[in-house]
Amino acid sequence: MGTKVRDDDEVRETPNAVIWAVAAGTAPLPFLAVYAVMFIVHGGVHRVVPPDITNSSQGELIAGFIALALFLIGIVALYWMMNGRRRWPFLLVQLGMLATAIDFFLDVTKGGRLVSFVVGIAALAAIVCALLPSAWEHLGRSVPRVRRPQRRDSEGTAAYAAHS
């Protein structure tokens, strides 16, 4: 995997794969924003008895700040992906969203299955689009090549060559 040298001041068109990845990656953000506000309010302003997701009001407040931090991290990751700066934070956020959506989908006590399904599909679509060849090029990276055994030498050891 080589890095191509590019002029970051150059105006270039964002590939469709990156646009679709970012569009799909925005799906969980409204939920994080709502959860952040709701848990911060329930933990600090208008305390609810019993607490929604933890055993204490302080736990609700902490959960709200965690959701807020994840919301902000998600926005920064989307921004970096869209501008061709970094992909790995975007992929980590989307993998986290996918894992959470699967967990919420499998455990009906954690929320609605339809929302979890939609968020999970959106996160999966964002991951797939972010790994398409045009996204690699947008980020200034070479698309990785698949290595396959080409032949075996006299000792039975496989010699590998890049697949074209």
N, C-alpha and C. Protein backbone atom coordinates (compact mmCIF):
# COMPACT_ATOMS: atom_id res chain seq x y z
N MET A 1 0.84 -1.17 0.00
CA MET A 1 0.00 0.00 0.00
C MET A 1 0.88 1.23 0.00
N GLY A 2 0.92 1.88 -1.09
CA GLY A 2 1.71 3.09 -1.19
C GLY A 2 0.86 4.32 -1.06
N THR A 3 1.50 5.40 -0.71
CA THR A 3 0.81 6.67 -0.61
C THR A 3 1.19 7.51 -1.81
N LYS A 4 0.20 8.02 -2.49
CA LYS A 4 0.44 8.89 -3.63
C LYS A 4 0.65 10.31 -3.12
N VAL A 5 1.56 11.02 -3.75
CA VAL A 5 1.79 12.41 -3.41
C VAL A 5 0.74 13.24 -4.14
N ARG A 6 0.06 14.10 -3.38
CA ARG A 6 -0.93 14.95 -4.01
C ARG A 6 -0.89 16.33 -3.39
N ASP A 7 -1.37 17.29 -4.13
CA ASP A 7 -1.42 18.67 -3.67
C ASP A 7 -2.75 18.87 -2.95
N ASP A 8 -2.72 19.04 -1.62
CA ASP A 8 -3.95 19.18 -0.84
C ASP A 8 -4.70 20.47 -1.13
N ASP A 9 -4.06 21.43 -1.79
CA ASP A 9 -4.75 22.67 -2.14
C ASP A 9 -5.52 22.52 -3.44
N GLU A 10 -5.31 21.42 -4.12
CA GLU A 10 -5.98 21.17 -5.39
C GLU A 10 -7.48 20.94 -5.17
N VAL A 11 -8.29 21.57 -5.98
CA VAL A 11 -9.72 21.36 -5.92
C VAL A 11 -10.03 20.10 -6.73
N ARG A 12 -10.60 19.12 -6.08
CA ARG A 12 -10.92 17.89 -6.77
C ARG A 12 -12.34 17.45 -6.40
N GLU A 13 -12.95 16.73 -7.30
CA GLU A 13 -14.32 16.29 -7.10
C GLU A 13 -14.33 15.08 -6.16
N THR A 14 -15.27 15.10 -5.25
CA THR A 14 -15.41 13.97 -4.32
C THR A 14 -16.12 12.83 -5.03
N PRO A 15 -15.54 11.63 -5.01
CA PRO A 15 -16.16 10.48 -5.69
C PRO A 15 -17.51 10.11 -5.07
N ASN A 16 -18.36 9.51 -5.89
CA ASN A 16 -19.68 9.10 -5.42
C ASN A 16 -19.59 8.13 -4.24
N ALA A 17 -18.62 7.24 -4.24
CA ALA A 17 -18.49 6.27 -3.14
C ALA A 17 -18.28 6.98 -1.81
N VAL A 18 -17.49 8.04 -1.81
CA VAL A 18 -17.24 8.79 -0.57
C VAL A 18 -18.49 9.55 -0.16
N ILE A 19 -19.18 10.13 -1.12
CA ILE A 19 -20.42 10.85 -0.81
C ILE A 19 -21.45 9.89 -0.21
N TRP A 20 -21.59 8.71 -0.80
CA TRP A 20 -22.53 7.72 -0.26
C TRP A 20 -22.09 7.22 1.11
N ALA A 21 -20.80 7.03 1.30
CA ALA A 21 -20.30 6.59 2.61
C ALA A 21 -20.63 7.61 3.68
N VAL A 22 -20.37 8.88 3.39
CA VAL A 22 -20.65 9.94 4.37
C VAL A 22 -22.15 10.09 4.59
N ALA A 23 -22.93 10.00 3.52
CA ALA A 23 -24.38 10.11 3.66
C ALA A 23 -24.93 8.99 4.55
N ALA A 24 -24.48 7.77 4.32
CA ALA A 24 -24.93 6.65 5.15
C ALA A 24 -24.39 6.78 6.57
N GLY A 25 -23.19 7.32 6.70
CA GLY A 25 -22.58 7.47 8.02
C GLY A 25 -23.25 8.52 8.90
N THR A 26 -24.07 9.38 8.29
CA THR A 26 -24.78 10.39 9.10
C THR A 26 -26.00 9.81 9.80
N ALA A 27 -26.47 8.65 9.41
CA ALA A 27 -27.70 8.07 9.96
C ALA A 27 -27.72 7.99 11.49
N PRO A 28 -26.65 7.56 12.15
CA PRO A 28 -26.70 7.45 13.61
C PRO A 28 -26.58 8.78 14.36
N LEU A 29 -26.12 9.82 13.69
CA LEU A 29 -25.84 11.08 14.40
C LEU A 29 -27.06 11.70 15.07
N PRO A 30 -28.23 11.75 14.42
CA PRO A 30 -29.38 12.32 15.13
C PRO A 30 -29.75 11.54 16.39
N PHE A 31 -29.59 10.22 16.35
CA PHE A 31 -29.90 9.41 17.53
C PHE A 31 -28.93 9.72 18.66
N LEU A 32 -27.64 9.86 18.32
CA LEU A 32 -26.66 10.21 19.35
C LEU A 32 -26.96 11.58 19.96
N ALA A 33 -27.35 12.53 19.12
CA ALA A 33 -27.66 13.87 19.63
C ALA A 33 -28.86 13.82 20.57
N VAL A 34 -29.90 13.10 20.18
CA VAL A 34 -31.10 12.99 21.04
C VAL A 34 -30.76 12.29 22.34
N TYR A 35 -30.01 11.18 22.27
CA TYR A 35 -29.63 10.46 23.48
C TYR A 35 -28.75 11.33 24.38
N ALA A 36 -27.85 12.08 23.80
CA ALA A 36 -26.99 12.96 24.60
C ALA A 36 -27.82 13.96 25.38
N VAL A 37 -28.71 14.65 24.69
CA VAL A 37 -29.56 15.65 25.36
C VAL A 37 -30.44 14.97 26.41
N MET A 38 -31.08 13.88 26.04
CA MET A 38 -32.00 13.20 26.95
C MET A 38 -31.30 12.72 28.22
N PHE A 39 -30.14 12.09 28.09
CA PHE A 39 -29.46 11.56 29.28
C PHE A 39 -28.82 12.67 30.11
N ILE A 40 -28.35 13.73 29.47
CA ILE A 40 -27.81 14.85 30.24
C ILE A 40 -28.93 15.51 31.04
N VAL A 41 -30.09 15.69 30.42
CA VAL A 41 -31.23 16.27 31.13
C VAL A 41 -31.70 15.34 32.24
N HIS A 42 -31.83 14.05 31.95
CA HIS A 42 -32.30 13.09 32.96
C HIS A 42 -31.29 12.89 34.09
N GLY A 43 -30.04 13.15 33.83
CA GLY A 43 -29.03 12.96 34.86
C GLY A 43 -28.68 14.23 35.62
N GLY A 44 -28.96 15.40 35.05
CA GLY A 44 -28.53 16.62 35.71
C GLY A 44 -29.61 17.66 35.95
N VAL A 45 -30.58 17.78 35.04
CA VAL A 45 -31.57 18.85 35.13
C VAL A 45 -32.88 18.35 35.71
N HIS A 46 -33.46 17.37 35.06
CA HIS A 46 -34.74 16.80 35.49
C HIS A 46 -34.54 15.31 35.74
N ARG A 47 -34.17 15.00 36.96
CA ARG A 47 -33.83 13.60 37.28
C ARG A 47 -35.06 12.72 37.26
N VAL A 48 -34.91 11.56 36.63
CA VAL A 48 -36.02 10.61 36.55
C VAL A 48 -35.78 9.45 37.48
N VAL A 49 -36.88 8.94 38.04
CA VAL A 49 -36.81 7.80 38.93
C VAL A 49 -37.74 6.74 38.38
N PRO A 50 -37.28 5.56 38.07
CA PRO A 50 -35.91 5.10 38.08
C PRO A 50 -35.17 5.64 36.85
N PRO A 51 -33.84 5.69 36.93
CA PRO A 51 -33.04 6.12 35.78
C PRO A 51 -33.29 5.20 34.57
N ASP A 52 -33.09 5.76 33.38
CA ASP A 52 -33.38 5.02 32.14
C ASP A 52 -32.43 3.86 31.88
N ILE A 53 -31.12 4.14 31.89
CA ILE A 53 -30.17 3.11 31.44
C ILE A 53 -29.12 2.74 32.47
N THR A 54 -29.03 3.48 33.56
CA THR A 54 -28.05 3.15 34.60
C THR A 54 -28.77 3.03 35.93
N ASN A 55 -28.01 2.91 37.00
CA ASN A 55 -28.60 2.77 38.33
C ASN A 55 -28.67 4.08 39.10
N SER A 56 -28.16 5.18 38.49
CA SER A 56 -28.14 6.45 39.21
C SER A 56 -28.27 7.62 38.25
N SER A 57 -28.61 8.77 38.81
CA SER A 57 -28.68 9.99 38.00
C SER A 57 -27.30 10.36 37.48
N GLN A 58 -26.28 10.13 38.31
CA GLN A 58 -24.91 10.43 37.88
C GLN A 58 -24.53 9.55 36.68
N GLY A 59 -24.96 8.30 36.69
CA GLY A 59 -24.71 7.40 35.57
C GLY A 59 -25.39 7.87 34.30
N GLU A 60 -26.61 8.40 34.44
CA GLU A 60 -27.32 8.95 33.29
C GLU A 60 -26.57 10.14 32.71
N LEU A 61 -26.06 11.01 33.59
CA LEU A 61 -25.31 12.18 33.17
C LEU A 61 -24.04 11.77 32.43
N ILE A 62 -23.33 10.78 32.96
CA ILE A 62 -22.11 10.27 32.32
C ILE A 62 -22.45 9.67 30.95
N ALA A 63 -23.53 8.90 30.88
CA ALA A 63 -23.95 8.33 29.60
C ALA A 63 -24.28 9.42 28.59
N GLY A 64 -24.87 10.51 29.06
CA GLY A 64 -25.17 11.63 28.18
C GLY A 64 -23.92 12.28 27.63
N PHE A 65 -22.91 12.45 28.48
CA PHE A 65 -21.66 13.05 28.01
C PHE A 65 -20.90 12.10 27.08
N ILE A 66 -21.01 10.80 27.32
CA ILE A 66 -20.40 9.83 26.40
C ILE A 66 -21.08 9.90 25.03
N ALA A 67 -22.42 9.96 25.02
CA ALA A 67 -23.15 10.08 23.75
C ALA A 67 -22.78 11.39 23.04
N LEU A 68 -22.62 12.47 23.79
CA LEU A 68 -22.22 13.75 23.20
C LEU A 68 -20.82 13.66 22.59
N ALA A 69 -19.89 13.02 23.31
CA ALA A 69 -18.53 12.85 22.79
C ALA A 69 -18.54 12.00 21.51
N LEU A 70 -19.33 10.93 21.51
CA LEU A 70 -19.42 10.09 20.31
C LEU A 70 -20.05 10.86 19.15
N PHE A 71 -21.00 11.72 19.43
CA PHE A 71 -21.61 12.56 18.40
C PHE A 71 -20.55 13.47 17.78
N LEU A 72 -19.75 14.11 18.61
CA LEU A 72 -18.72 15.02 18.11
C LEU A 72 -17.63 14.27 17.35
N ILE A 73 -17.22 13.12 17.86
CA ILE A 73 -16.23 12.29 17.17
C ILE A 73 -16.78 11.85 15.81
N GLY A 74 -18.06 11.48 15.77
CA GLY A 74 -18.69 11.08 14.51
C GLY A 74 -18.69 12.20 13.48
N ILE A 75 -18.95 13.43 13.93
CA ILE A 75 -18.93 14.57 13.01
C ILE A 75 -17.53 14.81 12.45
N VAL A 76 -16.53 14.76 13.32
CA VAL A 76 -15.15 14.96 12.88
C VAL A 76 -14.73 13.86 11.91
N ALA A 77 -15.09 12.62 12.21
CA ALA A 77 -14.75 11.49 11.33
C ALA A 77 -15.41 11.66 9.96
N LEU A 78 -16.66 12.10 9.94
CA LEU A 78 -17.34 12.35 8.66
C LEU A 78 -16.63 13.45 7.88
N TYR A 79 -16.24 14.50 8.56
CA TYR A 79 -15.56 15.63 7.93
C TYR A 79 -14.23 15.18 7.31
N TRP A 80 -13.46 14.40 8.08
CA TRP A 80 -12.17 13.92 7.57
C TRP A 80 -12.35 13.01 6.37
N MET A 81 -13.36 12.15 6.43
CA MET A 81 -13.60 11.23 5.31
C MET A 81 -14.01 12.02 4.06
N MET A 82 -14.90 12.96 4.22
CA MET A 82 -15.39 13.73 3.08
C MET A 82 -14.26 14.54 2.43
N ASN A 83 -13.36 15.06 3.25
CA ASN A 83 -12.29 15.89 2.73
C ASN A 83 -11.05 15.10 2.34
N GLY A 84 -11.12 13.78 2.43
CA GLY A 84 -10.00 12.95 1.99
C GLY A 84 -8.81 12.98 2.94
N ARG A 85 -9.02 13.27 4.21
CA ARG A 85 -7.91 13.34 5.17
C ARG A 85 -7.60 11.98 5.79
N ARG A 86 -8.61 11.39 6.43
CA ARG A 86 -8.41 10.11 7.14
C ARG A 86 -9.66 9.25 6.99
N ARG A 87 -9.44 7.95 6.83
CA ARG A 87 -10.55 7.01 6.74
C ARG A 87 -10.71 6.20 8.02
N TRP A 88 -9.61 5.90 8.72
CA TRP A 88 -9.70 4.97 9.85
C TRP A 88 -10.63 5.46 10.96
N PRO A 89 -10.68 6.76 11.32
CA PRO A 89 -11.66 7.14 12.35
C PRO A 89 -13.10 6.91 11.87
N PHE A 90 -13.34 7.19 10.60
CA PHE A 90 -14.67 6.97 10.03
C PHE A 90 -15.05 5.50 10.12
N LEU A 91 -14.12 4.62 9.73
CA LEU A 91 -14.40 3.18 9.77
C LEU A 91 -14.60 2.70 11.21
N LEU A 92 -13.80 3.20 12.14
CA LEU A 92 -13.97 2.80 13.55
C LEU A 92 -15.33 3.23 14.09
N VAL A 93 -15.75 4.46 13.77
CA VAL A 93 -17.06 4.94 14.22
C VAL A 93 -18.16 4.08 13.61
N GLN A 94 -18.05 3.78 12.33
CA GLN A 94 -19.09 2.98 11.68
C GLN A 94 -19.11 1.54 12.19
N LEU A 95 -17.94 0.97 12.46
CA LEU A 95 -17.90 -0.38 13.06
C LEU A 95 -18.54 -0.37 14.44
N GLY A 96 -18.27 0.68 15.22
CA GLY A 96 -18.90 0.81 16.54
C GLY A 96 -20.41 0.93 16.44
N MET A 97 -20.86 1.71 15.46
CA MET A 97 -22.31 1.87 15.25
C MET A 97 -22.93 0.54 14.81
N LEU A 98 -22.25 -0.17 13.94
CA LEU A 98 -22.76 -1.46 13.47
C LEU A 98 -22.86 -2.46 14.63
N ALA A 99 -21.81 -2.52 15.43
CA ALA A 99 -21.81 -3.44 16.59
C ALA A 99 -22.92 -3.08 17.57
N THR A 100 -23.09 -1.80 17.84
CA THR A 100 -24.15 -1.36 18.76
C THR A 100 -25.52 -1.68 18.19
N ALA A 101 -25.70 -1.43 16.89
CA ALA A 101 -26.99 -1.71 16.26
C ALA A 101 -27.31 -3.20 16.32
N ILE A 102 -26.32 -4.04 16.09
CA ILE A 102 -26.53 -5.50 16.19
C ILE A 102 -26.91 -5.88 17.61
N ASP A 103 -26.20 -5.33 18.58
CA ASP A 103 -26.49 -5.61 19.99
C ASP A 103 -27.92 -5.18 20.34
N PHE A 104 -28.32 -3.98 19.94
CA PHE A 104 -29.66 -3.48 20.23
C PHE A 104 -30.72 -4.28 19.47
N PHE A 105 -30.40 -4.74 18.26
CA PHE A 105 -31.35 -5.53 17.50
C PHE A 105 -31.59 -6.88 18.15
N LEU A 106 -30.53 -7.50 18.67
CA LEU A 106 -30.65 -8.83 19.28
C LEU A 106 -31.30 -8.79 20.66
N ASP A 107 -31.14 -7.68 21.39
CA ASP A 107 -31.71 -7.55 22.73
C ASP A 107 -32.88 -6.57 22.67
N VAL A 108 -34.11 -7.10 22.66
CA VAL A 108 -35.30 -6.27 22.49
C VAL A 108 -35.54 -5.32 23.67
N THR A 109 -34.89 -5.54 24.80
CA THR A 109 -35.08 -4.66 25.96
C THR A 109 -34.33 -3.34 25.81
N LYS A 110 -33.44 -3.24 24.81
CA LYS A 110 -32.62 -2.04 24.64
C LYS A 110 -33.22 -1.02 23.69
N GLY A 111 -34.29 -1.34 23.04
CA GLY A 111 -34.89 -0.37 22.11
C GLY A 111 -35.57 -1.05 20.95
N GLY A 112 -36.04 -0.22 20.03
CA GLY A 112 -36.77 -0.73 18.88
C GLY A 112 -35.86 -1.41 17.88
N ARG A 113 -36.35 -2.51 17.35
CA ARG A 113 -35.57 -3.27 16.37
C ARG A 113 -35.49 -2.56 15.03
N LEU A 114 -36.51 -1.85 14.63
CA LEU A 114 -36.50 -1.19 13.33
C LEU A 114 -35.41 -0.13 13.26
N VAL A 115 -35.30 0.69 14.28
CA VAL A 115 -34.26 1.73 14.31
C VAL A 115 -32.88 1.07 14.29
N SER A 116 -32.69 0.03 15.08
CA SER A 116 -31.41 -0.68 15.11
C SER A 116 -31.08 -1.27 13.75
N PHE A 117 -32.09 -1.82 13.08
CA PHE A 117 -31.89 -2.40 11.76
C PHE A 117 -31.46 -1.33 10.76
N VAL A 118 -32.15 -0.20 10.76
CA VAL A 118 -31.84 0.88 9.82
C VAL A 118 -30.44 1.43 10.08
N VAL A 119 -30.09 1.67 11.36
CA VAL A 119 -28.76 2.17 11.69
C VAL A 119 -27.69 1.15 11.31
N GLY A 120 -27.95 -0.13 11.54
CA GLY A 120 -27.00 -1.18 11.18
C GLY A 120 -26.77 -1.26 9.68
N ILE A 121 -27.85 -1.20 8.89
CA ILE A 121 -27.72 -1.23 7.43
C ILE A 121 -26.97 0.00 6.94
N ALA A 122 -27.26 1.16 7.51
CA ALA A 122 -26.57 2.40 7.12
C ALA A 122 -25.08 2.31 7.44
N ALA A 123 -24.73 1.80 8.62
CA ALA A 123 -23.33 1.67 9.00
C ALA A 123 -22.61 0.68 8.09
N LEU A 124 -23.26 -0.42 7.76
CA LEU A 124 -22.67 -1.40 6.85
C LEU A 124 -22.47 -0.80 5.46
N ALA A 125 -23.44 -0.06 4.97
CA ALA A 125 -23.31 0.60 3.66
C ALA A 125 -22.17 1.61 3.69
N ALA A 126 -22.05 2.35 4.78
CA ALA A 126 -20.97 3.34 4.89
C ALA A 126 -19.60 2.67 4.86
N ILE A 127 -19.47 1.54 5.54
CA ILE A 127 -18.20 0.80 5.56
C ILE A 127 -17.86 0.30 4.17
N VAL A 128 -18.83 -0.31 3.49
CA VAL A 128 -18.59 -0.84 2.15
C VAL A 128 -18.19 0.28 1.19
N CYS A 129 -18.93 1.39 1.22
CA CYS A 129 -18.62 2.50 0.30
C CYS A 129 -17.25 3.11 0.60
N ALA A 130 -16.88 3.16 1.88
CA ALA A 130 -15.58 3.74 2.26
C ALA A 130 -14.42 2.87 1.82
N LEU A 131 -14.68 1.61 1.49
CA LEU A 131 -13.61 0.70 1.08
C LEU A 131 -13.57 0.45 -0.43
N LEU A 132 -14.41 1.14 -1.18
CA LEU A 132 -14.39 1.01 -2.63
C LEU A 132 -13.14 1.68 -3.21
N PRO A 133 -12.68 1.23 -4.38
CA PRO A 133 -11.44 1.77 -4.96
C PRO A 133 -11.43 3.30 -5.12
N SER A 134 -12.54 3.90 -5.51
CA SER A 134 -12.54 5.36 -5.68
C SER A 134 -12.35 6.08 -4.35
N ALA A 135 -12.79 5.47 -3.25
CA ALA A 135 -12.56 6.07 -1.93
C ALA A 135 -11.08 5.99 -1.56
N TRP A 136 -10.43 4.86 -1.90
CA TRP A 136 -8.99 4.74 -1.65
C TRP A 136 -8.24 5.85 -2.37
N GLU A 137 -8.59 6.05 -3.64
CA GLU A 137 -7.91 7.07 -4.44
C GLU A 137 -8.17 8.47 -3.90
N HIS A 138 -9.41 8.72 -3.43
CA HIS A 138 -9.75 10.03 -2.87
C HIS A 138 -8.89 10.34 -1.64
N LEU A 139 -8.54 9.30 -0.92
CA LEU A 139 -7.73 9.45 0.29
C LEU A 139 -6.23 9.39 -0.01
N GLY A 140 -5.88 9.34 -1.29
CA GLY A 140 -4.46 9.34 -1.67
C GLY A 140 -3.76 8.03 -1.40
N ARG A 141 -4.49 6.95 -1.41
CA ARG A 141 -3.92 5.62 -1.16
C ARG A 141 -4.07 4.73 -2.38
N SER A 142 -3.16 3.81 -2.52
CA SER A 142 -3.28 2.81 -3.58
C SER A 142 -4.22 1.72 -3.11
N VAL A 143 -5.00 1.22 -4.03
CA VAL A 143 -5.92 0.13 -3.70
C VAL A 143 -5.08 -1.11 -3.45
N PRO A 144 -5.31 -1.82 -2.32
CA PRO A 144 -4.52 -3.02 -2.07
C PRO A 144 -4.80 -4.10 -3.12
N ARG A 145 -3.77 -4.83 -3.43
CA ARG A 145 -3.91 -5.90 -4.42
C ARG A 145 -4.02 -7.24 -3.71
N VAL A 146 -4.78 -8.13 -4.31
CA VAL A 146 -4.93 -9.48 -3.78
C VAL A 146 -3.72 -10.30 -4.21
N ARG A 147 -3.13 -10.99 -3.27
CA ARG A 147 -1.97 -11.84 -3.58
C ARG A 147 -2.44 -13.28 -3.65
N ARG A 148 -2.11 -13.93 -4.78
CA ARG A 148 -2.50 -15.32 -4.98
C ARG A 148 -1.26 -16.14 -5.30
N PRO A 149 -1.27 -17.41 -4.91
CA PRO A 149 -0.12 -18.25 -5.27
C PRO A 149 -0.08 -18.41 -6.78
N GLN A 150 1.11 -18.20 -7.33
CA GLN A 150 1.25 -18.29 -8.78
C GLN A 150 1.79 -19.65 -9.20
N ARG A 151 2.78 -20.13 -8.49
CA ARG A 151 3.39 -21.43 -8.85
C ARG A 151 4.07 -21.99 -7.61
N ARG A 152 4.43 -23.21 -7.70
CA ARG A 152 5.17 -23.85 -6.60
C ARG A 152 6.55 -24.22 -7.11
N ASP A 153 7.54 -24.01 -6.25
CA ASP A 153 8.90 -24.38 -6.66
C ASP A 153 9.13 -25.87 -6.39
N SER A 154 10.31 -26.34 -6.62
CA SER A 154 10.61 -27.77 -6.50
C SER A 154 10.45 -28.30 -5.08
N GLU A 155 10.50 -27.44 -4.08
CA GLU A 155 10.36 -27.87 -2.68
C GLU A 155 8.91 -27.78 -2.20
N GLY A 156 7.98 -27.37 -3.07
CA GLY A 156 6.59 -27.29 -2.71
C GLY A 156 6.20 -25.98 -2.04
N THR A 157 7.10 -25.01 -2.04
CA THR A 157 6.80 -23.72 -1.43
C THR A 157 6.14 -22.83 -2.46
N ALA A 158 5.05 -22.18 -2.06
CA ALA A 158 4.31 -21.33 -2.99
C ALA A 158 5.06 -20.02 -3.20
N ALA A 159 5.16 -19.60 -4.43
CA ALA A 159 5.72 -18.30 -4.76
C ALA A 159 4.53 -17.37 -5.03
N TYR A 160 4.54 -16.21 -4.42
CA TYR A 160 3.40 -15.31 -4.54
C TYR A 160 3.71 -14.16 -5.49
N ALA A 161 2.69 -13.77 -6.21
CA ALA A 161 2.80 -12.62 -7.11
C ALA A 161 1.54 -11.79 -6.98
N ALA A 162 1.67 -10.51 -7.17
CA ALA A 162 0.50 -9.62 -7.10
C ALA A 162 -0.45 -9.95 -8.25
N HIS A 163 -1.72 -10.00 -7.94
CA HIS A 163 -2.73 -10.27 -8.94
C HIS A 163 -3.04 -8.98 -9.70
N SER A 164 -3.02 -9.02 -10.99
CA SER A 164 -3.26 -7.83 -11.81
C SER A 164 -4.70 -7.67 -12.12
